[in-house]
């Protein structure tokens, strides 16, 4: 697959060069990514409209069949919200001859279950009452669609699952952990048979004895 050469990764700022002439302001491109995409890494594209904004070819890549109006961006696994990827001198604006840098600004979208803190992932899993009392262990799905089994803990308590959080994209540091707690959802209308109610009472009594 033909790909653009990845721009320089940086946490802030960009190289303005050594010329005394003031560099033109860069073109900022916000790029929204899901937490799943940041966990696994992803290739995304930015389409430039042409006309007044012309994308220049990457001088380091020979790609005769590449779309001249599309910038291919490689997002590494573990990338963080606010990551800046700089593509130096890649855009000409309003037919001016001085090329501008393109700065891709990674924006992390909220996730339905996980909340990210650094490389750690935090989750509160809501679980129906009957599922909670009838299972000795509980499960949680990771961002790469694996099911992890964890011992049942009291509602509101937190359990750590080491090395299952976000990977470390820059190669320094450790993979994060998943921290999960469980919230038991009680049914508004508990319509059970007499036998089911008796069984539920036995299970609740067992849980109290184990505390």
N, C-alpha and C. Protein backbone atom coordinates (compact mmCIF):
# COMPACT_ATOMS: atom_id res chain seq x y z
N UNK A 1 0.86 -1.20 0.00
CA UNK A 1 0.00 0.00 0.00
C UNK A 1 0.89 1.24 0.00
N UNK A 2 0.51 2.20 -0.83
CA UNK A 2 1.26 3.42 -0.89
C UNK A 2 0.93 4.29 0.29
N UNK A 3 1.93 4.77 0.96
CA UNK A 3 1.69 5.56 2.15
C UNK A 3 2.56 6.80 2.14
N UNK A 4 2.06 7.84 2.77
CA UNK A 4 2.86 9.03 2.97
C UNK A 4 3.92 8.72 4.03
N UNK A 5 5.07 9.33 3.91
CA UNK A 5 6.05 9.26 4.98
C UNK A 5 5.50 9.99 6.19
N UNK A 6 5.57 9.34 7.36
CA UNK A 6 5.01 9.97 8.55
C UNK A 6 5.78 11.24 8.88
N UNK A 7 5.03 12.28 9.21
CA UNK A 7 5.67 13.52 9.60
C UNK A 7 6.33 13.40 10.95
N UNK A 8 7.00 14.44 11.32
CA UNK A 8 7.70 14.46 12.60
C UNK A 8 6.70 14.50 13.74
N UNK A 9 6.84 13.57 14.72
CA UNK A 9 5.97 13.55 15.88
C UNK A 9 6.54 14.48 16.92
N UNK A 10 5.68 15.29 17.51
CA UNK A 10 6.17 16.17 18.56
C UNK A 10 5.03 16.46 19.51
N UNK A 11 5.37 16.85 20.73
CA UNK A 11 4.35 17.14 21.72
C UNK A 11 3.87 18.57 21.63
N UNK A 12 4.73 19.46 21.15
CA UNK A 12 4.29 20.85 20.98
C UNK A 12 5.28 21.56 20.06
N UNK A 13 4.78 22.58 19.41
CA UNK A 13 5.62 23.41 18.57
C UNK A 13 6.07 22.74 17.30
N UNK A 14 6.86 23.45 16.49
CA UNK A 14 7.37 22.91 15.26
C UNK A 14 8.60 23.70 14.86
N UNK A 15 9.41 23.12 14.00
CA UNK A 15 10.66 23.74 13.59
C UNK A 15 10.39 24.81 12.54
N UNK A 16 10.74 26.03 12.85
CA UNK A 16 10.51 27.12 11.92
C UNK A 16 11.69 27.32 10.96
N UNK A 17 12.72 26.50 11.14
CA UNK A 17 13.87 26.62 10.24
C UNK A 17 14.82 27.71 10.71
N UNK A 18 15.87 27.86 9.96
CA UNK A 18 16.90 28.83 10.35
C UNK A 18 16.87 30.10 9.51
N UNK A 19 15.94 30.20 8.58
CA UNK A 19 15.88 31.38 7.72
C UNK A 19 15.43 32.59 8.53
N UNK A 20 16.00 33.77 8.16
CA UNK A 20 15.61 35.01 8.83
C UNK A 20 14.24 35.47 8.36
N UNK A 21 13.80 35.00 7.21
CA UNK A 21 12.47 35.38 6.73
C UNK A 21 11.41 34.69 7.58
N UNK A 22 10.42 35.45 7.98
CA UNK A 22 9.36 34.90 8.82
C UNK A 22 8.58 33.84 8.06
N UNK A 23 8.49 32.64 8.66
CA UNK A 23 7.78 31.54 8.00
C UNK A 23 6.28 31.81 8.01
N UNK A 24 5.58 31.43 6.95
CA UNK A 24 4.12 31.61 6.94
C UNK A 24 3.48 30.70 7.98
N UNK A 25 2.33 31.09 8.51
CA UNK A 25 1.68 30.25 9.52
C UNK A 25 1.30 28.88 8.94
N UNK A 26 1.33 27.85 9.77
CA UNK A 26 1.02 26.50 9.28
C UNK A 26 -0.47 26.32 9.05
N UNK A 27 -0.80 25.25 8.37
CA UNK A 27 -2.20 24.85 8.18
C UNK A 27 -2.50 23.76 9.21
N UNK A 28 -3.44 24.04 10.10
CA UNK A 28 -3.80 23.10 11.16
C UNK A 28 -4.94 22.20 10.69
N UNK A 29 -4.78 20.91 10.93
CA UNK A 29 -5.80 19.94 10.52
C UNK A 29 -6.20 19.08 11.72
N UNK A 30 -7.32 19.37 12.36
CA UNK A 30 -7.77 18.50 13.44
C UNK A 30 -8.18 17.14 12.89
N UNK A 31 -7.79 16.08 13.58
CA UNK A 31 -8.08 14.72 13.13
C UNK A 31 -8.66 13.93 14.30
N UNK A 32 -9.95 13.64 14.22
CA UNK A 32 -10.64 12.92 15.30
C UNK A 32 -10.37 11.42 15.19
N UNK A 33 -10.05 10.82 16.34
CA UNK A 33 -9.78 9.38 16.41
C UNK A 33 -10.54 8.79 17.60
N UNK A 34 -11.08 7.61 17.40
CA UNK A 34 -11.71 6.91 18.51
C UNK A 34 -10.63 6.33 19.42
N UNK A 35 -11.01 6.00 20.64
CA UNK A 35 -10.06 5.38 21.57
C UNK A 35 -9.61 4.02 21.05
N UNK A 36 -10.50 3.32 20.38
CA UNK A 36 -10.13 2.03 19.77
C UNK A 36 -9.02 2.23 18.73
N UNK A 37 -9.15 3.28 17.90
CA UNK A 37 -8.13 3.56 16.88
C UNK A 37 -6.79 3.92 17.51
N UNK A 38 -6.83 4.70 18.59
CA UNK A 38 -5.59 5.08 19.25
C UNK A 38 -4.96 3.89 19.97
N UNK A 39 -5.76 2.94 20.41
CA UNK A 39 -5.24 1.73 21.06
C UNK A 39 -4.53 0.84 20.05
N UNK A 40 -5.12 0.65 18.89
CA UNK A 40 -4.61 -0.29 17.90
C UNK A 40 -3.68 0.35 16.88
N UNK A 41 -3.71 1.68 16.75
CA UNK A 41 -3.02 2.35 15.66
C UNK A 41 -3.90 2.32 14.42
N UNK A 42 -3.80 3.35 13.59
CA UNK A 42 -4.70 3.44 12.44
C UNK A 42 -4.08 4.32 11.36
N UNK A 43 -4.43 4.04 10.13
CA UNK A 43 -4.07 4.90 9.00
C UNK A 43 -5.31 5.69 8.60
N UNK A 44 -5.20 7.02 8.59
CA UNK A 44 -6.33 7.87 8.24
C UNK A 44 -5.90 8.83 7.13
N UNK A 45 -6.88 9.39 6.46
CA UNK A 45 -6.59 10.30 5.36
C UNK A 45 -7.25 11.65 5.60
N UNK A 46 -6.58 12.70 5.10
CA UNK A 46 -7.14 14.05 5.12
C UNK A 46 -7.23 14.52 3.67
N UNK A 47 -8.40 14.87 3.25
CA UNK A 47 -8.64 15.30 1.87
C UNK A 47 -8.53 16.82 1.79
N UNK A 48 -7.64 17.30 0.94
CA UNK A 48 -7.51 18.73 0.71
C UNK A 48 -8.38 19.12 -0.49
N UNK A 49 -9.03 20.29 -0.40
CA UNK A 49 -10.04 20.63 -1.41
C UNK A 49 -9.47 21.00 -2.77
N UNK A 50 -8.15 21.27 -2.84
CA UNK A 50 -7.63 21.76 -4.12
C UNK A 50 -7.97 23.24 -4.27
N UNK A 51 -7.84 23.77 -5.46
CA UNK A 51 -8.15 25.18 -5.67
C UNK A 51 -7.17 26.06 -4.92
N UNK A 52 -7.67 26.79 -3.91
CA UNK A 52 -6.82 27.74 -3.18
C UNK A 52 -5.86 27.03 -2.22
N UNK A 53 -6.07 25.76 -1.94
CA UNK A 53 -5.19 25.02 -1.02
C UNK A 53 -4.66 23.79 -1.75
N UNK A 54 -3.39 23.82 -2.13
CA UNK A 54 -2.82 22.75 -2.92
C UNK A 54 -1.83 21.94 -2.08
N UNK A 55 -2.03 20.61 -2.04
CA UNK A 55 -1.13 19.72 -1.32
C UNK A 55 0.04 19.37 -2.21
N UNK A 56 1.25 19.58 -1.71
CA UNK A 56 2.45 19.24 -2.47
C UNK A 56 2.83 17.79 -2.24
N UNK A 57 3.44 17.13 -3.23
CA UNK A 57 3.84 15.73 -3.03
C UNK A 57 4.97 15.62 -2.02
N UNK A 58 5.02 14.48 -1.37
CA UNK A 58 6.10 14.21 -0.42
C UNK A 58 7.37 13.94 -1.21
N UNK A 59 8.41 14.75 -1.06
CA UNK A 59 9.62 14.56 -1.86
C UNK A 59 10.35 13.26 -1.55
N UNK A 60 10.05 12.66 -0.40
CA UNK A 60 10.74 11.43 -0.02
C UNK A 60 10.02 10.17 -0.44
N UNK A 61 8.88 10.30 -1.12
CA UNK A 61 8.09 9.13 -1.51
C UNK A 61 7.80 9.17 -2.99
N UNK A 62 8.08 8.08 -3.68
CA UNK A 62 7.72 7.96 -5.10
C UNK A 62 6.40 7.21 -5.17
N UNK A 63 5.33 7.94 -5.46
CA UNK A 63 4.00 7.34 -5.45
C UNK A 63 3.22 7.87 -6.64
N UNK A 64 3.46 7.35 -7.82
CA UNK A 64 2.84 7.92 -9.03
C UNK A 64 1.33 7.76 -9.05
N UNK A 65 0.80 6.77 -8.34
CA UNK A 65 -0.65 6.55 -8.36
C UNK A 65 -1.37 7.13 -7.15
N UNK A 66 -0.64 7.85 -6.31
CA UNK A 66 -1.26 8.41 -5.11
C UNK A 66 -2.19 9.57 -5.47
N UNK A 67 -3.22 9.75 -4.67
CA UNK A 67 -4.15 10.86 -4.86
C UNK A 67 -3.42 12.15 -4.48
N UNK A 68 -3.28 13.09 -5.40
CA UNK A 68 -2.50 14.31 -5.11
C UNK A 68 -3.19 15.24 -4.13
N UNK A 69 -4.45 14.99 -3.81
CA UNK A 69 -5.17 15.86 -2.87
C UNK A 69 -5.39 15.20 -1.51
N UNK A 70 -4.79 14.05 -1.28
CA UNK A 70 -5.02 13.30 -0.05
C UNK A 70 -3.73 13.10 0.72
N UNK A 71 -3.74 13.49 1.98
CA UNK A 71 -2.62 13.26 2.88
C UNK A 71 -2.92 12.02 3.72
N UNK A 72 -2.04 11.02 3.66
CA UNK A 72 -2.20 9.80 4.44
C UNK A 72 -1.44 9.95 5.74
N UNK A 73 -2.14 9.78 6.86
CA UNK A 73 -1.56 10.00 8.19
C UNK A 73 -1.53 8.68 8.94
N UNK A 74 -0.35 8.32 9.43
CA UNK A 74 -0.18 7.12 10.24
C UNK A 74 -0.27 7.50 11.72
N UNK A 75 -1.29 6.99 12.40
CA UNK A 75 -1.44 7.23 13.83
C UNK A 75 -0.89 6.00 14.56
N UNK A 76 0.18 6.15 15.36
CA UNK A 76 0.77 4.98 16.02
C UNK A 76 -0.09 4.49 17.16
N UNK A 77 -0.01 3.20 17.45
CA UNK A 77 -0.73 2.62 18.58
C UNK A 77 -0.28 3.30 19.88
N UNK A 78 -1.25 3.71 20.69
CA UNK A 78 -0.94 4.37 21.95
C UNK A 78 -0.85 5.87 21.87
N UNK A 79 -1.07 6.45 20.68
CA UNK A 79 -1.00 7.91 20.54
C UNK A 79 -1.98 8.59 21.49
N UNK A 80 -1.60 9.77 21.94
CA UNK A 80 -2.39 10.47 22.94
C UNK A 80 -3.16 11.64 22.33
N UNK A 81 -4.18 12.04 23.03
CA UNK A 81 -4.95 13.22 22.65
C UNK A 81 -4.02 14.43 22.65
N UNK A 82 -4.09 15.22 21.60
CA UNK A 82 -3.25 16.41 21.49
C UNK A 82 -1.93 16.18 20.80
N UNK A 83 -1.67 14.95 20.35
CA UNK A 83 -0.44 14.68 19.60
C UNK A 83 -0.41 15.52 18.33
N UNK A 84 0.73 16.13 18.05
CA UNK A 84 0.91 16.93 16.84
C UNK A 84 1.84 16.18 15.88
N UNK A 85 1.41 16.01 14.65
CA UNK A 85 2.23 15.40 13.61
C UNK A 85 2.47 16.46 12.54
N UNK A 86 3.74 16.78 12.32
CA UNK A 86 4.11 17.90 11.44
C UNK A 86 4.60 17.37 10.10
N UNK A 87 4.02 17.89 9.03
CA UNK A 87 4.47 17.60 7.67
C UNK A 87 5.04 18.91 7.11
N UNK A 88 6.37 19.06 7.10
CA UNK A 88 6.96 20.35 6.72
C UNK A 88 6.74 20.68 5.24
N UNK A 89 6.36 21.93 4.99
CA UNK A 89 6.32 22.51 3.64
C UNK A 89 5.50 21.65 2.67
N UNK A 90 4.29 21.36 3.04
CA UNK A 90 3.47 20.46 2.21
C UNK A 90 2.27 21.12 1.55
N UNK A 91 1.97 22.38 1.88
CA UNK A 91 0.77 23.02 1.33
C UNK A 91 1.11 24.40 0.80
N UNK A 92 0.54 24.72 -0.37
CA UNK A 92 0.59 26.08 -0.90
C UNK A 92 -0.83 26.65 -0.83
N UNK A 93 -0.92 27.84 -0.26
CA UNK A 93 -2.23 28.46 -0.04
C UNK A 93 -2.36 29.71 -0.93
N UNK A 94 -3.49 29.82 -1.61
CA UNK A 94 -3.79 30.98 -2.45
C UNK A 94 -2.73 31.21 -3.52
N UNK A 95 -2.22 30.12 -4.12
CA UNK A 95 -1.26 30.20 -5.22
C UNK A 95 0.03 30.94 -4.86
N UNK A 96 0.33 31.07 -3.55
CA UNK A 96 1.60 31.67 -3.16
C UNK A 96 2.70 30.63 -3.27
N UNK A 97 3.92 31.10 -3.50
CA UNK A 97 5.01 30.18 -3.78
C UNK A 97 5.67 29.62 -2.52
N UNK A 98 5.40 30.21 -1.37
CA UNK A 98 6.04 29.76 -0.13
C UNK A 98 5.21 28.63 0.48
N UNK A 99 5.76 27.42 0.55
CA UNK A 99 4.99 26.31 1.13
C UNK A 99 4.81 26.48 2.64
N UNK A 100 3.72 25.93 3.13
CA UNK A 100 3.42 25.97 4.57
C UNK A 100 3.48 24.56 5.15
N UNK A 101 3.78 24.51 6.45
CA UNK A 101 3.72 23.23 7.14
C UNK A 101 2.27 22.82 7.34
N UNK A 102 2.06 21.52 7.37
CA UNK A 102 0.76 20.97 7.77
C UNK A 102 0.95 20.35 9.16
N UNK A 103 0.12 20.76 10.10
CA UNK A 103 0.18 20.20 11.45
C UNK A 103 -1.13 19.46 11.71
N UNK A 104 -1.03 18.15 11.88
CA UNK A 104 -2.20 17.32 12.19
C UNK A 104 -2.33 17.25 13.71
N UNK A 105 -3.47 17.66 14.21
CA UNK A 105 -3.75 17.68 15.65
C UNK A 105 -4.70 16.54 16.00
N UNK A 106 -4.20 15.53 16.70
CA UNK A 106 -5.01 14.36 17.04
C UNK A 106 -5.98 14.69 18.17
N UNK A 107 -7.26 14.43 17.94
CA UNK A 107 -8.30 14.68 18.93
C UNK A 107 -8.94 13.35 19.31
N UNK A 108 -8.86 13.01 20.58
CA UNK A 108 -9.42 11.74 21.07
C UNK A 108 -10.91 11.90 21.37
N UNK A 109 -11.73 11.08 20.76
CA UNK A 109 -13.17 11.14 21.00
C UNK A 109 -13.54 10.36 22.26
N UNK A 110 -14.57 10.78 22.97
CA UNK A 110 -14.99 10.05 24.18
C UNK A 110 -15.41 8.62 23.84
N UNK A 111 -15.15 7.71 24.77
CA UNK A 111 -15.51 6.30 24.60
C UNK A 111 -16.71 5.97 25.47
N UNK A 112 -17.52 5.03 25.01
CA UNK A 112 -18.76 4.69 25.73
C UNK A 112 -18.49 4.04 27.08
N UNK A 113 -17.37 3.32 27.22
CA UNK A 113 -17.12 2.59 28.47
C UNK A 113 -15.85 3.03 29.17
N UNK A 114 -14.78 3.26 28.43
CA UNK A 114 -13.49 3.54 29.05
C UNK A 114 -13.22 5.04 29.11
N UNK A 115 -12.55 5.42 30.21
CA UNK A 115 -12.04 6.78 30.37
C UNK A 115 -10.53 6.67 30.52
N UNK A 116 -9.80 7.42 29.72
CA UNK A 116 -8.34 7.30 29.69
C UNK A 116 -7.68 8.28 30.65
N UNK A 117 -6.73 7.78 31.42
CA UNK A 117 -5.87 8.62 32.25
C UNK A 117 -4.43 8.20 32.00
N UNK A 118 -3.72 8.99 31.19
CA UNK A 118 -2.38 8.58 30.79
C UNK A 118 -2.47 7.32 29.93
N UNK A 119 -1.79 6.26 30.36
CA UNK A 119 -1.88 4.98 29.66
C UNK A 119 -2.85 4.02 30.34
N UNK A 120 -3.49 4.47 31.42
CA UNK A 120 -4.46 3.63 32.12
C UNK A 120 -5.87 3.86 31.58
N UNK A 121 -6.67 2.81 31.63
CA UNK A 121 -8.07 2.88 31.22
C UNK A 121 -8.95 2.56 32.42
N UNK A 122 -9.95 3.41 32.66
CA UNK A 122 -10.87 3.22 33.79
C UNK A 122 -12.27 2.96 33.24
N UNK A 123 -12.96 2.04 33.89
CA UNK A 123 -14.32 1.69 33.44
C UNK A 123 -15.19 1.34 34.62
N UNK A 124 -16.45 1.71 34.51
CA UNK A 124 -17.49 1.25 35.44
C UNK A 124 -18.46 0.41 34.63
N UNK A 125 -18.45 -0.88 34.86
CA UNK A 125 -19.31 -1.76 34.09
C UNK A 125 -20.62 -1.98 34.83
N UNK A 126 -21.71 -1.63 34.16
CA UNK A 126 -23.03 -1.85 34.74
C UNK A 126 -23.49 -3.27 34.44
N UNK A 127 -23.96 -3.95 35.48
CA UNK A 127 -24.28 -5.37 35.32
C UNK A 127 -25.63 -5.66 35.98
N UNK A 128 -26.53 -6.39 35.32
CA UNK A 128 -27.83 -6.71 35.90
C UNK A 128 -27.68 -7.53 37.20
N UNK A 129 -28.61 -7.35 38.08
CA UNK A 129 -28.56 -8.01 39.38
C UNK A 129 -28.41 -9.52 39.26
N UNK A 130 -29.24 -10.16 38.43
CA UNK A 130 -29.21 -11.62 38.33
C UNK A 130 -27.87 -12.10 37.78
N UNK A 131 -27.30 -11.36 36.83
CA UNK A 131 -25.99 -11.75 36.30
C UNK A 131 -24.92 -11.64 37.38
N UNK A 132 -25.04 -10.62 38.22
CA UNK A 132 -24.03 -10.42 39.27
C UNK A 132 -24.08 -11.54 40.31
N UNK A 133 -25.27 -11.91 40.74
CA UNK A 133 -25.37 -12.89 41.84
C UNK A 133 -25.22 -14.32 41.37
N UNK A 134 -25.38 -14.58 40.08
CA UNK A 134 -25.32 -15.97 39.60
C UNK A 134 -23.96 -16.33 38.99
N UNK A 135 -23.01 -15.41 38.98
CA UNK A 135 -21.70 -15.69 38.39
C UNK A 135 -20.60 -15.55 39.42
N UNK A 136 -19.68 -16.50 39.41
CA UNK A 136 -18.54 -16.44 40.31
C UNK A 136 -17.47 -15.48 39.80
N UNK A 137 -17.44 -15.26 38.49
CA UNK A 137 -16.49 -14.33 37.88
C UNK A 137 -17.23 -13.47 36.85
N UNK A 138 -16.65 -12.32 36.53
CA UNK A 138 -17.27 -11.38 35.60
C UNK A 138 -16.30 -11.10 34.45
N UNK A 139 -16.82 -10.53 33.38
CA UNK A 139 -15.99 -10.28 32.20
C UNK A 139 -16.03 -8.80 31.81
N UNK A 140 -14.97 -8.41 31.12
CA UNK A 140 -14.91 -7.07 30.54
C UNK A 140 -14.22 -7.18 29.19
N UNK A 141 -14.73 -6.45 28.19
CA UNK A 141 -14.18 -6.50 26.84
C UNK A 141 -13.13 -5.42 26.66
N UNK A 142 -11.97 -5.79 26.12
CA UNK A 142 -10.90 -4.84 25.88
C UNK A 142 -11.14 -4.09 24.57
N UNK A 143 -10.28 -3.12 24.29
CA UNK A 143 -10.42 -2.32 23.07
C UNK A 143 -10.06 -3.10 21.81
N UNK A 144 -9.37 -4.24 21.96
CA UNK A 144 -9.12 -5.09 20.80
C UNK A 144 -10.04 -6.32 20.80
N UNK A 145 -11.18 -6.18 21.48
CA UNK A 145 -12.29 -7.14 21.42
C UNK A 145 -12.00 -8.48 22.11
N UNK A 146 -11.06 -8.50 23.05
CA UNK A 146 -10.86 -9.71 23.85
C UNK A 146 -11.70 -9.63 25.12
N UNK A 147 -12.15 -10.78 25.60
CA UNK A 147 -12.91 -10.85 26.84
C UNK A 147 -11.98 -11.28 27.97
N UNK A 148 -11.86 -10.43 28.99
CA UNK A 148 -11.06 -10.74 30.16
C UNK A 148 -11.97 -11.17 31.30
N UNK A 149 -11.59 -12.23 31.99
CA UNK A 149 -12.35 -12.71 33.14
C UNK A 149 -11.69 -12.20 34.41
N UNK A 150 -12.48 -11.59 35.28
CA UNK A 150 -11.96 -11.07 36.54
C UNK A 150 -12.81 -11.61 37.68
N UNK A 151 -12.22 -11.79 38.86
CA UNK A 151 -13.00 -12.27 40.00
C UNK A 151 -14.07 -11.26 40.39
N UNK A 152 -15.17 -11.77 40.88
CA UNK A 152 -16.27 -10.89 41.30
C UNK A 152 -15.87 -10.13 42.56
N UNK A 153 -16.08 -8.82 42.51
CA UNK A 153 -15.77 -7.97 43.65
C UNK A 153 -17.04 -7.25 44.07
N UNK A 154 -17.01 -6.65 45.24
CA UNK A 154 -18.17 -5.91 45.72
C UNK A 154 -18.43 -4.71 44.83
N UNK A 155 -19.69 -4.38 44.62
CA UNK A 155 -20.01 -3.19 43.82
C UNK A 155 -19.34 -1.95 44.39
N UNK A 156 -18.75 -1.15 43.52
CA UNK A 156 -18.06 0.07 43.95
C UNK A 156 -16.58 -0.11 44.19
N UNK A 157 -16.13 -1.34 44.44
CA UNK A 157 -14.70 -1.60 44.60
C UNK A 157 -14.03 -1.62 43.23
N UNK A 158 -12.72 -1.39 43.22
CA UNK A 158 -11.96 -1.30 41.98
C UNK A 158 -10.93 -2.42 41.93
N UNK A 159 -10.84 -3.08 40.77
CA UNK A 159 -9.83 -4.10 40.55
C UNK A 159 -8.94 -3.67 39.40
N UNK A 160 -7.63 -3.90 39.55
CA UNK A 160 -6.67 -3.55 38.50
C UNK A 160 -6.31 -4.78 37.67
N UNK A 161 -6.31 -4.59 36.35
CA UNK A 161 -5.86 -5.64 35.42
C UNK A 161 -4.59 -5.10 34.76
N UNK A 162 -3.42 -5.55 35.21
CA UNK A 162 -2.15 -4.97 34.70
C UNK A 162 -1.92 -5.30 33.22
N UNK A 163 -1.21 -4.39 32.57
CA UNK A 163 -0.73 -4.57 31.18
C UNK A 163 -1.86 -4.76 30.17
N UNK A 164 -3.04 -4.26 30.46
CA UNK A 164 -4.16 -4.35 29.52
C UNK A 164 -4.67 -2.97 29.12
N UNK A 165 -3.93 -1.92 29.52
CA UNK A 165 -4.33 -0.57 29.16
C UNK A 165 -3.75 -0.15 27.82
N UNK A 166 -3.50 1.15 27.66
CA UNK A 166 -2.99 1.67 26.40
C UNK A 166 -1.51 1.33 26.24
N UNK A 167 -1.08 0.97 25.01
CA UNK A 167 0.34 0.76 24.77
C UNK A 167 1.09 2.08 24.82
N UNK A 168 2.39 2.00 24.99
CA UNK A 168 3.24 3.20 25.07
C UNK A 168 3.82 3.47 23.70
N UNK A 169 3.31 4.48 22.98
CA UNK A 169 3.62 4.65 21.58
C UNK A 169 5.06 5.10 21.32
N UNK A 170 5.67 5.81 22.27
CA UNK A 170 7.02 6.32 22.01
C UNK A 170 8.10 5.36 22.50
N UNK A 171 7.72 4.18 22.98
CA UNK A 171 8.70 3.17 23.37
C UNK A 171 9.32 3.39 24.72
N UNK A 172 8.91 4.41 25.46
CA UNK A 172 9.43 4.69 26.79
C UNK A 172 8.30 4.55 27.80
N UNK A 173 8.51 3.76 28.82
CA UNK A 173 7.47 3.54 29.81
C UNK A 173 6.82 2.18 29.66
N UNK A 174 5.73 1.99 30.35
CA UNK A 174 5.08 0.69 30.38
C UNK A 174 3.64 0.79 29.86
N UNK A 175 3.15 -0.36 29.40
CA UNK A 175 1.74 -0.45 29.04
C UNK A 175 0.89 -0.20 30.27
N UNK A 176 -0.20 0.52 30.09
CA UNK A 176 -1.06 0.85 31.22
C UNK A 176 -1.88 -0.32 31.70
N UNK A 177 -2.70 -0.05 32.71
CA UNK A 177 -3.59 -1.05 33.28
C UNK A 177 -5.04 -0.68 33.00
N UNK A 178 -5.91 -1.66 33.16
CA UNK A 178 -7.35 -1.40 33.19
C UNK A 178 -7.79 -1.43 34.64
N UNK A 179 -8.51 -0.41 35.05
CA UNK A 179 -9.12 -0.36 36.38
C UNK A 179 -10.63 -0.41 36.19
N UNK A 180 -11.26 -1.41 36.79
CA UNK A 180 -12.69 -1.59 36.55
C UNK A 180 -13.42 -1.79 37.88
N UNK A 181 -14.59 -1.21 37.96
CA UNK A 181 -15.51 -1.46 39.06
C UNK A 181 -16.86 -1.84 38.47
N UNK A 182 -17.70 -2.44 39.30
CA UNK A 182 -19.00 -2.93 38.82
C UNK A 182 -20.13 -2.22 39.57
N UNK A 183 -21.13 -1.84 38.79
CA UNK A 183 -22.33 -1.22 39.35
C UNK A 183 -23.52 -2.14 39.05
N UNK A 184 -24.15 -2.62 40.11
CA UNK A 184 -25.26 -3.55 39.95
C UNK A 184 -26.53 -2.77 39.64
N UNK A 185 -27.21 -3.20 38.58
CA UNK A 185 -28.46 -2.56 38.17
C UNK A 185 -29.63 -3.40 38.67
N UNK A 186 -30.43 -2.79 39.53
CA UNK A 186 -31.59 -3.48 40.07
C UNK A 186 -32.80 -3.22 39.17
N UNK A 187 -33.56 -4.25 38.84
CA UNK A 187 -34.74 -4.06 37.97
C UNK A 187 -35.81 -3.24 38.68
N UNK A 188 -36.48 -2.40 37.90
CA UNK A 188 -37.55 -1.59 38.48
C UNK A 188 -38.74 -2.46 38.85
N UNK A 189 -39.05 -3.41 38.01
CA UNK A 189 -40.15 -4.34 38.28
C UNK A 189 -39.58 -5.76 38.30
N UNK A 190 -39.38 -6.28 39.49
CA UNK A 190 -38.77 -7.59 39.65
C UNK A 190 -39.86 -8.66 39.56
N UNK A 191 -40.14 -9.10 38.35
CA UNK A 191 -41.18 -10.10 38.12
C UNK A 191 -40.54 -11.48 38.04
N UNK A 192 -40.45 -12.15 39.17
CA UNK A 192 -39.86 -13.48 39.24
C UNK A 192 -40.88 -14.48 39.76
N UNK A 193 -40.66 -15.73 39.39
CA UNK A 193 -41.49 -16.79 39.96
C UNK A 193 -41.07 -17.00 41.41
N UNK A 194 -41.90 -17.73 42.14
CA UNK A 194 -41.58 -18.00 43.55
C UNK A 194 -40.26 -18.73 43.68
N UNK A 195 -40.04 -19.71 42.77
CA UNK A 195 -38.79 -20.46 42.82
C UNK A 195 -37.59 -19.55 42.55
N UNK A 196 -37.72 -18.60 41.59
CA UNK A 196 -36.63 -17.68 41.30
C UNK A 196 -36.36 -16.74 42.46
N UNK A 197 -37.42 -16.30 43.12
CA UNK A 197 -37.25 -15.43 44.29
C UNK A 197 -36.53 -16.18 45.42
N UNK A 198 -36.92 -17.45 45.63
CA UNK A 198 -36.27 -18.24 46.67
C UNK A 198 -34.78 -18.42 46.36
N UNK A 199 -34.50 -18.68 45.06
CA UNK A 199 -33.10 -18.85 44.67
C UNK A 199 -32.30 -17.56 44.85
N UNK A 200 -32.92 -16.43 44.53
CA UNK A 200 -32.26 -15.14 44.70
C UNK A 200 -31.98 -14.86 46.16
N UNK A 201 -32.92 -15.19 47.04
CA UNK A 201 -32.70 -15.00 48.48
C UNK A 201 -31.53 -15.83 48.96
N UNK A 202 -31.44 -17.08 48.48
CA UNK A 202 -30.32 -17.94 48.88
C UNK A 202 -28.99 -17.35 48.42
N UNK A 203 -28.97 -16.84 47.17
CA UNK A 203 -27.74 -16.27 46.65
C UNK A 203 -27.33 -15.01 47.39
N UNK A 204 -28.29 -14.16 47.73
CA UNK A 204 -28.00 -12.94 48.47
C UNK A 204 -27.52 -13.28 49.88
N UNK A 205 -28.13 -14.30 50.50
CA UNK A 205 -27.67 -14.70 51.82
C UNK A 205 -26.25 -15.24 51.77
N UNK A 206 -25.93 -15.96 50.70
CA UNK A 206 -24.57 -16.48 50.52
C UNK A 206 -23.57 -15.34 50.35
N UNK A 207 -23.98 -14.31 49.59
CA UNK A 207 -23.09 -13.18 49.39
C UNK A 207 -22.81 -12.48 50.72
N UNK A 208 -23.86 -12.32 51.57
CA UNK A 208 -23.68 -11.66 52.85
C UNK A 208 -22.75 -12.46 53.75
N UNK A 209 -22.84 -13.78 53.70
CA UNK A 209 -21.99 -14.64 54.54
C UNK A 209 -20.54 -14.59 54.11
N UNK A 210 -20.32 -14.29 52.83
CA UNK A 210 -18.95 -14.26 52.32
C UNK A 210 -18.26 -12.92 52.54
N UNK A 211 -19.01 -11.91 52.97
CA UNK A 211 -18.43 -10.58 53.19
C UNK A 211 -17.53 -10.61 54.44
